Amino acid sequence: MLKQDLVKTISKESKLKRKKSSKVFDLVFEMIAKDLKKKRSTNIENFGEFRIVRQKMKIESNKNNQLSIIPPKDIIEFKTNIDKSE
């Protein structure tokens, strides 16, 4: 699903104009991004949780048997909390 599809659905369901729906959509994701930059998680009820997770250092080898060290890094993880039984 694309952003424009979500904005269209928001507009239709909320009776807001598309421009206003697009601003609401952008604002929600700006708020999520701000929380993630502060290393906090964001939980949206009946949807899911966005959080920062520290990925461990990895040592990998390529096809030439050369080792590469991949340093630890923060990644964004999303875990749904939608009840699939409904």
PDB file of N, CA and C in Angstrom:
ATOM      1  N   MET A   1       0.845  -1.171   0.000  1.00  0.00           N
ATOM      2  CA  MET A   1       0.000   0.000   0.000  1.00  0.00           C
ATOM      3  C   MET A   1       0.893   1.238   0.000  1.00  0.00           C
ATOM      4  N   LEU A   2       0.553   2.188  -0.810  1.00  0.00           N
ATOM      5  CA  LEU A   2       1.322   3.423  -0.928  1.00  0.00           C
ATOM      6  C   LEU A   2       0.731   4.525  -0.057  1.00  0.00           C
ATOM      7  N   LYS A   3       1.546   5.543   0.192  1.00  0.00           N
ATOM      8  CA  LYS A   3       1.093   6.679   0.992  1.00  0.00           C
ATOM      9  C   LYS A   3      -0.171   7.282   0.394  1.00  0.00           C
ATOM     10  N   GLN A   4      -0.209   7.446  -0.923  1.00  0.00           N
ATOM     11  CA  GLN A   4      -1.370   8.067  -1.559  1.00  0.00           C
ATOM     12  C   GLN A   4      -2.635   7.229  -1.351  1.00  0.00           C
ATOM     13  N   ASP A   5      -2.491   5.910  -1.267  1.00  0.00           N
ATOM     14  CA  ASP A   5      -3.638   5.044  -0.990  1.00  0.00           C
ATOM     15  C   ASP A   5      -4.155   5.265   0.428  1.00  0.00           C
ATOM     16  N   LEU A   6      -3.225   5.376   1.375  1.00  0.00           N
ATOM     17  CA  LEU A   6      -3.613   5.628   2.764  1.00  0.00           C
ATOM     18  C   LEU A   6      -4.272   6.992   2.915  1.00  0.00           C
ATOM     19  N   VAL A   7      -3.704   8.005   2.278  1.00  0.00           N
ATOM     20  CA  VAL A   7      -4.265   9.360   2.346  1.00  0.00           C
ATOM     21  C   VAL A   7      -5.669   9.369   1.746  1.00  0.00           C
ATOM     22  N   LYS A   8      -5.843   8.678   0.651  1.00  0.00           N
ATOM     23  CA  LYS A   8      -7.158   8.595  -0.006  1.00  0.00           C
ATOM     24  C   LYS A   8      -8.189   7.953   0.933  1.00  0.00           C
ATOM     25  N   THR A   9      -7.789   6.874   1.599  1.00  0.00           N
ATOM     26  CA  THR A   9      -8.682   6.191   2.534  1.00  0.00           C
ATOM     27  C   THR A   9      -8.997   7.071   3.738  1.00  0.00           C
ATOM     28  N   ILE A  10      -7.980   7.746   4.287  1.00  0.00           N
ATOM     29  CA  ILE A  10      -8.201   8.663   5.410  1.00  0.00           C
ATOM     30  C   ILE A  10      -9.183   9.746   4.999  1.00  0.00           C
ATOM     31  N   SER A  11      -8.986  10.303   3.835  1.00  0.00           N
ATOM     32  CA  SER A  11      -9.851  11.362   3.320  1.00  0.00           C
ATOM     33  C   SER A  11     -11.293  10.876   3.189  1.00  0.00           C
ATOM     34  N   LYS A  12     -11.449   9.708   2.632  1.00  0.00           N
ATOM     35  CA  LYS A  12     -12.782   9.147   2.401  1.00  0.00           C
ATOM     36  C   LYS A  12     -13.494   8.830   3.718  1.00  0.00           C
ATOM     37  N   GLU A  13     -12.784   8.179   4.637  1.00  0.00           N
ATOM     38  CA  GLU A  13     -13.382   7.751   5.903  1.00  0.00           C
ATOM     39  C   GLU A  13     -13.653   8.912   6.855  1.00  0.00           C
ATOM     40  N   SER A  14     -12.806   9.929   6.826  1.00  0.00           N
ATOM     41  CA  SER A  14     -12.930  11.041   7.775  1.00  0.00           C
ATOM     42  C   SER A  14     -13.657  12.246   7.202  1.00  0.00           C
ATOM     43  N   LYS A  15     -13.952  12.201   5.915  1.00  0.00           N
ATOM     44  CA  LYS A  15     -14.614  13.317   5.213  1.00  0.00           C
ATOM     45  C   LYS A  15     -13.741  14.577   5.192  1.00  0.00           C
ATOM     46  N   LEU A  16     -12.425  14.387   5.320  1.00  0.00           N
ATOM     47  CA  LEU A  16     -11.487  15.503   5.202  1.00  0.00           C
ATOM     48  C   LEU A  16     -11.028  15.603   3.755  1.00  0.00           C
ATOM     49  N   LYS A  17     -10.619  16.804   3.361  1.00  0.00           N
ATOM     50  CA  LYS A  17     -10.054  16.962   2.022  1.00  0.00           C
ATOM     51  C   LYS A  17      -8.705  16.248   1.976  1.00  0.00           C
ATOM     52  N   ARG A  18      -8.307  15.864   0.770  1.00  0.00           N
ATOM     53  CA  ARG A  18      -7.055  15.099   0.617  1.00  0.00           C
ATOM     54  C   ARG A  18      -5.848  15.851   1.150  1.00  0.00           C
ATOM     55  N   LYS A  19      -5.792  17.156   0.920  1.00  0.00           N
ATOM     56  CA  LYS A  19      -4.643  17.942   1.380  1.00  0.00           C
ATOM     57  C   LYS A  19      -4.549  17.885   2.906  1.00  0.00           C
ATOM     58  N   LYS A  20      -5.689  18.005   3.570  1.00  0.00           N
ATOM     59  CA  LYS A  20      -5.725  17.959   5.033  1.00  0.00           C
ATOM     60  C   LYS A  20      -5.370  16.544   5.523  1.00  0.00           C
ATOM     61  N   SER A  21      -5.894  15.536   4.842  1.00  0.00           N
ATOM     62  CA  SER A  21      -5.591  14.147   5.202  1.00  0.00           C
ATOM     63  C   SER A  21      -4.100  13.858   5.052  1.00  0.00           C
ATOM     64  N   SER A  22      -3.490  14.402   4.015  1.00  0.00           N
ATOM     65  CA  SER A  22      -2.062  14.221   3.792  1.00  0.00           C
ATOM     66  C   SER A  22      -1.252  14.867   4.914  1.00  0.00           C
ATOM     67  N   LYS A  23      -1.683  16.043   5.368  1.00  0.00           N
ATOM     68  CA  LYS A  23      -0.993  16.717   6.475  1.00  0.00           C
ATOM     69  C   LYS A  23      -1.097  15.897   7.757  1.00  0.00           C
ATOM     70  N   VAL A  24      -2.279  15.326   8.018  1.00  0.00           N
ATOM     71  CA  VAL A  24      -2.469  14.487   9.204  1.00  0.00           C
ATOM     72  C   VAL A  24      -1.547  13.266   9.132  1.00  0.00           C
ATOM     73  N   PHE A  25      -1.519  12.628   7.985  1.00  0.00           N
ATOM     74  CA  PHE A  25      -0.661  11.458   7.776  1.00  0.00           C
ATOM     75  C   PHE A  25       0.803  11.814   8.031  1.00  0.00           C
ATOM     76  N   ASP A  26       1.264  12.912   7.431  1.00  0.00           N
ATOM     77  CA  ASP A  26       2.656  13.347   7.604  1.00  0.00           C
ATOM     78  C   ASP A  26       2.963  13.664   9.059  1.00  0.00           C
ATOM     79  N   LEU A  27       2.025  14.308   9.747  1.00  0.00           N
ATOM     80  CA  LEU A  27       2.221  14.675  11.147  1.00  0.00           C
ATOM     81  C   LEU A  27       2.387  13.434  12.022  1.00  0.00           C
ATOM     82  N   VAL A  28       1.570  12.428  11.795  1.00  0.00           N
ATOM     83  CA  VAL A  28       1.665  11.192  12.580  1.00  0.00           C
ATOM     84  C   VAL A  28       3.058  10.576  12.433  1.00  0.00           C
ATOM     85  N   PHE A  29       3.548  10.488  11.203  1.00  0.00           N
ATOM     86  CA  PHE A  29       4.861   9.872  11.002  1.00  0.00           C
ATOM     87  C   PHE A  29       6.007  10.775  11.452  1.00  0.00           C
ATOM     88  N   GLU A  30       5.814  12.082  11.443  1.00  0.00           N
ATOM     89  CA  GLU A  30       6.819  12.988  12.018  1.00  0.00           C
ATOM     90  C   GLU A  30       6.926  12.758  13.518  1.00  0.00           C
ATOM     91  N   MET A  31       5.783  12.576  14.177  1.00  0.00           N
ATOM     92  CA  MET A  31       5.779  12.335  15.623  1.00  0.00           C
ATOM     93  C   MET A  31       6.467  11.011  15.954  1.00  0.00           C
ATOM     94  N   ILE A  32       6.213   9.982  15.168  1.00  0.00           N
ATOM     95  CA  ILE A  32       6.871   8.691  15.373  1.00  0.00           C
ATOM     96  C   ILE A  32       8.378   8.845  15.183  1.00  0.00           C
ATOM     97  N   ALA A  33       8.783   9.553  14.136  1.00  0.00           N
ATOM     98  CA  ALA A  33      10.211   9.760  13.853  1.00  0.00           C
ATOM     99  C   ALA A  33      10.895  10.527  14.985  1.00  0.00           C
ATOM    100  N   LYS A  34      10.234  11.546  15.533  1.00  0.00           N
ATOM    101  CA  LYS A  34      10.820  12.316  16.643  1.00  0.00           C
ATOM    102  C   LYS A  34      11.056  11.429  17.854  1.00  0.00           C
ATOM    103  N   ASP A  35      10.069  10.588  18.191  1.00  0.00           N
ATOM    104  CA  ASP A  35      10.238   9.682  19.324  1.00  0.00           C
ATOM    105  C   ASP A  35      11.379   8.696  19.082  1.00  0.00           C
ATOM    106  N   LEU A  36      11.471   8.177  17.875  1.00  0.00           N
ATOM    107  CA  LEU A  36      12.534   7.219  17.572  1.00  0.00           C
ATOM    108  C   LEU A  36      13.907   7.878  17.620  1.00  0.00           C
ATOM    109  N   LYS A  37      13.999   9.135  17.204  1.00  0.00           N
ATOM    110  CA  LYS A  37      15.280   9.850  17.278  1.00  0.00           C
ATOM    111  C   LYS A  37      15.713  10.044  18.723  1.00  0.00           C
ATOM    112  N   LYS A  38      14.737  10.129  19.635  1.00  0.00           N
ATOM    113  CA  LYS A  38      15.033  10.261  21.064  1.00  0.00           C
ATOM    114  C   LYS A  38      15.219   8.894  21.719  1.00  0.00           C
ATOM    115  N   LYS A  39      15.289   7.844  20.880  1.00  0.00           N
ATOM    116  CA  LYS A  39      15.488   6.464  21.341  1.00  0.00           C
ATOM    117  C   LYS A  39      14.320   5.957  22.187  1.00  0.00           C
ATOM    118  N   ARG A  40      13.128   6.476  21.907  1.00  0.00           N
ATOM    119  CA  ARG A  40      11.934   6.002  22.604  1.00  0.00           C
ATOM    120  C   ARG A  40      11.083   5.183  21.641  1.00  0.00           C
ATOM    121  N   SER A  41      10.265   4.343  22.199  1.00  0.00           N
ATOM    122  CA  SER A  41       9.359   3.571  21.348  1.00  0.00           C
ATOM    123  C   SER A  41       8.027   4.312  21.235  1.00  0.00           C
ATOM    124  N   THR A  42       7.285   3.978  20.200  1.00  0.00           N
ATOM    125  CA  THR A  42       5.966   4.550  19.984  1.00  0.00           C
ATOM    126  C   THR A  42       4.995   3.404  19.792  1.00  0.00           C
ATOM    127  N   ASN A  43       3.982   3.363  20.647  1.00  0.00           N
ATOM    128  CA  ASN A  43       2.986   2.309  20.571  1.00  0.00           C
ATOM    129  C   ASN A  43       1.669   2.919  20.124  1.00  0.00           C
ATOM    130  N   ILE A  44       1.127   2.421  19.024  1.00  0.00           N
ATOM    131  CA  ILE A  44      -0.157   2.885  18.519  1.00  0.00           C
ATOM    132  C   ILE A  44      -1.155   1.761  18.769  1.00  0.00           C
ATOM    133  N   GLU A  45      -2.113   2.036  19.640  1.00  0.00           N
ATOM    134  CA  GLU A  45      -3.090   1.030  20.035  1.00  0.00           C
ATOM    135  C   GLU A  45      -3.806   0.443  18.819  1.00  0.00           C
ATOM    136  N   ASN A  46      -4.014  -0.846  18.845  1.00  0.00           N
ATOM    137  CA  ASN A  46      -4.662  -1.597  17.758  1.00  0.00           C
ATOM    138  C   ASN A  46      -3.906  -1.509  16.435  1.00  0.00           C
ATOM    139  N   PHE A  47      -2.621  -1.225  16.502  1.00  0.00           N
ATOM    140  CA  PHE A  47      -1.804  -1.196  15.289  1.00  0.00           C
ATOM    141  C   PHE A  47      -0.467  -1.868  15.547  1.00  0.00           C
ATOM    142  N   GLY A  48       0.396  -1.216  16.349  1.00  0.00           N
ATOM    143  CA  GLY A  48       1.691  -1.812  16.632  1.00  0.00           C
ATOM    144  C   GLY A  48       2.642  -0.860  17.312  1.00  0.00           C
ATOM    145  N   GLU A  49       3.863  -1.333  17.503  1.00  0.00           N
ATOM    146  CA  GLU A  49       4.896  -0.569  18.204  1.00  0.00           C
ATOM    147  C   GLU A  49       6.126  -0.417  17.319  1.00  0.00           C
ATOM    148  N   PHE A  50       6.602   0.822  17.225  1.00  0.00           N
ATOM    149  CA  PHE A  50       7.871   1.127  16.570  1.00  0.00           C
ATOM    150  C   PHE A  50       8.885   1.333  17.683  1.00  0.00           C
ATOM    151  N   ARG A  51      10.052   0.705  17.567  1.00  0.00           N
ATOM    152  CA  ARG A  51      11.074   0.900  18.593  1.00  0.00           C
ATOM    153  C   ARG A  51      12.464   0.756  17.994  1.00  0.00           C
ATOM    154  N   ILE A  52      13.436   1.307  18.721  1.00  0.00           N
ATOM    155  CA  ILE A  52      14.841   1.218  18.338  1.00  0.00           C
ATOM    156  C   ILE A  52      15.438  -0.010  19.016  1.00  0.00           C
ATOM    157  N   VAL A  53      16.110  -0.830  18.235  1.00  0.00           N
ATOM    158  CA  VAL A  53      16.764  -2.031  18.752  1.00  0.00           C
ATOM    159  C   VAL A  53      18.227  -1.975  18.326  1.00  0.00           C
ATOM    160  N   ARG A  54      19.114  -2.288  19.255  1.00  0.00           N
ATOM    161  CA  ARG A  54      20.545  -2.306  18.958  1.00  0.00           C
ATOM    162  C   ARG A  54      20.907  -3.636  18.320  1.00  0.00           C
ATOM    163  N   GLN A  55      21.403  -3.583  17.098  1.00  0.00           N
ATOM    164  CA  GLN A  55      21.829  -4.790  16.393  1.00  0.00           C
ATOM    165  C   GLN A  55      23.287  -5.066  16.765  1.00  0.00           C
ATOM    166  N   LYS A  56      23.598  -6.296  17.100  1.00  0.00           N
ATOM    167  CA  LYS A  56      24.951  -6.661  17.522  1.00  0.00           C
ATOM    168  C   LYS A  56      25.938  -6.598  16.355  1.00  0.00           C
ATOM    169  N   MET A  57      27.212  -6.520  16.725  1.00  0.00           N
ATOM    170  CA  MET A  57      28.274  -6.578  15.724  1.00  0.00           C
ATOM    171  C   MET A  57      28.249  -7.957  15.062  1.00  0.00           C
ATOM    172  N   LYS A  58      28.514  -7.970  13.765  1.00  0.00           N
ATOM    173  CA  LYS A  58      28.532  -9.238  13.028  1.00  0.00           C
ATOM    174  C   LYS A  58      29.871  -9.398  12.322  1.00  0.00           C
ATOM    175  N   ILE A  59      30.292 -10.630  12.211  1.00  0.00           N
ATOM    176  CA  ILE A  59      31.465 -10.955  11.401  1.00  0.00           C
ATOM    177  C   ILE A  59      30.973 -11.892  10.304  1.00  0.00           C
ATOM    178  N   GLU A  60      31.139 -11.457   9.068  1.00  0.00           N
ATOM    179  CA  GLU A  60      30.659 -12.239   7.929  1.00  0.00           C
ATOM    180  C   GLU A  60      31.800 -12.506   6.967  1.00  0.00           C
ATOM    181  N   SER A  61      31.654 -13.575   6.226  1.00  0.00           N
ATOM    182  CA  SER A  61      32.653 -13.855   5.186  1.00  0.00           C
ATOM    183  C   SER A  61      31.961 -13.825   3.832  1.00  0.00           C
ATOM    184  N   ASN A  62      32.697 -13.345   2.834  1.00  0.00           N
ATOM    185  CA  ASN A  62      32.135 -13.308   1.483  1.00  0.00           C
ATOM    186  C   ASN A  62      32.611 -14.529   0.701  1.00  0.00           C
ATOM    187  N   LYS A  63      32.306 -14.562  -0.582  1.00  0.00           N
ATOM    188  CA  LYS A  63      32.648 -15.743  -1.388  1.00  0.00           C
ATOM    189  C   LYS A  63      34.150 -15.958  -1.547  1.00  0.00           C
ATOM    190  N   ASN A  64      34.971 -14.945  -1.268  1.00  0.00           N
ATOM    191  CA  ASN A  64      36.432 -15.076  -1.348  1.00  0.00           C
ATOM    192  C   ASN A  64      37.045 -15.416   0.006  1.00  0.00           C
ATOM    193  N   ASN A  65      36.202 -15.797   0.962  1.00  0.00           N
ATOM    194  CA  ASN A  65      36.627 -16.118   2.324  1.00  0.00           C
ATOM    195  C   ASN A  65      37.298 -14.948   3.034  1.00  0.00           C
ATOM    196  N   GLN A  66      36.949 -13.759   2.658  1.00  0.00           N
ATOM    197  CA  GLN A  66      37.435 -12.579   3.369  1.00  0.00           C
ATOM    198  C   GLN A  66      36.411 -12.223   4.443  1.00  0.00           C
ATOM    199  N   LEU A  67      36.915 -11.887   5.612  1.00  0.00           N
ATOM    200  CA  LEU A  67      36.027 -11.540   6.716  1.00  0.00           C
ATOM    201  C   LEU A  67      35.703 -10.050   6.693  1.00  0.00           C
ATOM    202  N   SER A  68      34.469  -9.750   6.970  1.00  0.00           N
ATOM    203  CA  SER A  68      34.028  -8.361   7.092  1.00  0.00           C
ATOM    204  C   SER A  68      33.417  -8.180   8.468  1.00  0.00           C
ATOM    205  N   ILE A  69      33.786  -7.088   9.107  1.00  0.00           N
ATOM    206  CA  ILE A  69      33.207  -6.766  10.408  1.00  0.00           C
ATOM    207  C   ILE A  69      32.133  -5.712  10.181  1.00  0.00           C
ATOM    208  N   ILE A  70      30.936  -6.038  10.596  1.00  0.00           N
ATOM    209  CA  ILE A  70      29.824  -5.095  10.491  1.00  0.00           C
ATOM    210  C   ILE A  70      29.578  -4.566  11.899  1.00  0.00           C
ATOM    211  N   PRO A  71      29.810  -3.270  12.114  1.00  0.00           N
ATOM    212  CA  PRO A  71      29.692  -2.711  13.458  1.00  0.00           C
ATOM    213  C   PRO A  71      28.245  -2.734  13.962  1.00  0.00           C
ATOM    214  N   PRO A  72      28.082  -2.663  15.285  1.00  0.00           N
ATOM    215  CA  PRO A  72      26.724  -2.617  15.830  1.00  0.00           C
ATOM    216  C   PRO A  72      26.020  -1.342  15.367  1.00  0.00           C
ATOM    217  N   LYS A  73      24.708  -1.431  15.239  1.00  0.00           N
ATOM    218  CA  LYS A  73      23.953  -0.251  14.824  1.00  0.00           C
ATOM    219  C   LYS A  73      22.531  -0.344  15.350  1.00  0.00           C
ATOM    220  N   ASP A  74      21.892   0.799  15.411  1.00  0.00           N
ATOM    221  CA  ASP A  74      20.496   0.867  15.822  1.00  0.00           C
ATOM    222  C   ASP A  74      19.610   0.683  14.602  1.00  0.00           C
ATOM    223  N   ILE A  75      18.580  -0.137  14.756  1.00  0.00           N
ATOM    224  CA  ILE A  75      17.616  -0.333  13.679  1.00  0.00           C
ATOM    225  C   ILE A  75      16.208  -0.091  14.228  1.00  0.00           C
ATOM    226  N   ILE A  76      15.293   0.225  13.339  1.00  0.00           N
ATOM    227  CA  ILE A  76      13.899   0.413  13.728  1.00  0.00           C
ATOM    228  C   ILE A  76      13.184  -0.916  13.557  1.00  0.00           C
ATOM    229  N   GLU A  77      12.497  -1.312  14.603  1.00  0.00           N
ATOM    230  CA  GLU A  77      11.742  -2.559  14.570  1.00  0.00           C
ATOM    231  C   GLU A  77      10.263  -2.231  14.735  1.00  0.00           C
ATOM    232  N   PHE A  78       9.421  -2.923  13.995  1.00  0.00           N
ATOM    233  CA  PHE A  78       7.977  -2.754  14.130  1.00  0.00           C
ATOM    234  C   PHE A  78       7.374  -4.088  14.515  1.00  0.00           C
ATOM    235  N   LYS A  79       6.546  -4.065  15.543  1.00  0.00           N
ATOM    236  CA  LYS A  79       5.861  -5.275  15.975  1.00  0.00           C
ATOM    237  C   LYS A  79       4.374  -4.964  16.039  1.00  0.00           C
ATOM    238  N   THR A  80       3.593  -5.715  15.279  1.00  0.00           N
ATOM    239  CA  THR A  80       2.158  -5.472  15.251  1.00  0.00           C
ATOM    240  C   THR A  80       1.496  -5.956  16.535  1.00  0.00           C
ATOM    241  N   ASN A  81       0.440  -5.275  16.939  1.00  0.00           N
ATOM    242  CA  ASN A  81      -0.350  -5.749  18.074  1.00  0.00           C
ATOM    243  C   ASN A  81      -1.819  -5.873  17.673  1.00  0.00           C
ATOM    244  N   ILE A  82      -2.032  -6.118  16.388  1.00  0.00           N
ATOM    245  CA  ILE A  82      -3.380  -6.325  15.878  1.00  0.00           C
ATOM    246  C   ILE A  82      -3.804  -7.750  16.206  1.00  0.00           C
ATOM    247  N   ASP A  83      -5.003  -7.879  16.731  1.00  0.00           N
ATOM    248  CA  ASP A  83      -5.547  -9.200  17.033  1.00  0.00           C
ATOM    249  C   ASP A  83      -6.013  -9.835  15.732  1.00  0.00           C
ATOM    250  N   LYS A  84      -5.322 -10.852  15.284  1.00  0.00           N
ATOM    251  CA  LYS A  84      -5.623 -11.485  13.995  1.00  0.00           C
ATOM    252  C   LYS A  84      -6.850 -12.386  14.045  1.00  0.00           C
ATOM    253  N   SER A  85      -7.371 -12.639  15.234  1.00  0.00           N
ATOM    254  CA  SER A  85      -8.530 -13.521  15.353  1.00  0.00           C
ATOM    255  C   SER A  85      -9.843 -12.809  15.045  1.00  0.00           C
ATOM    256  N   GLU A  86      -9.807 -11.488  14.934  1.00  0.00           N
ATOM    257  CA  GLU A  86     -11.043 -10.730  14.670  1.00  0.00           C
ATOM    258  C   GLU A  86     -11.430 -10.787  13.225  1.00  0.00           C
TER     259      GLU A  86
END
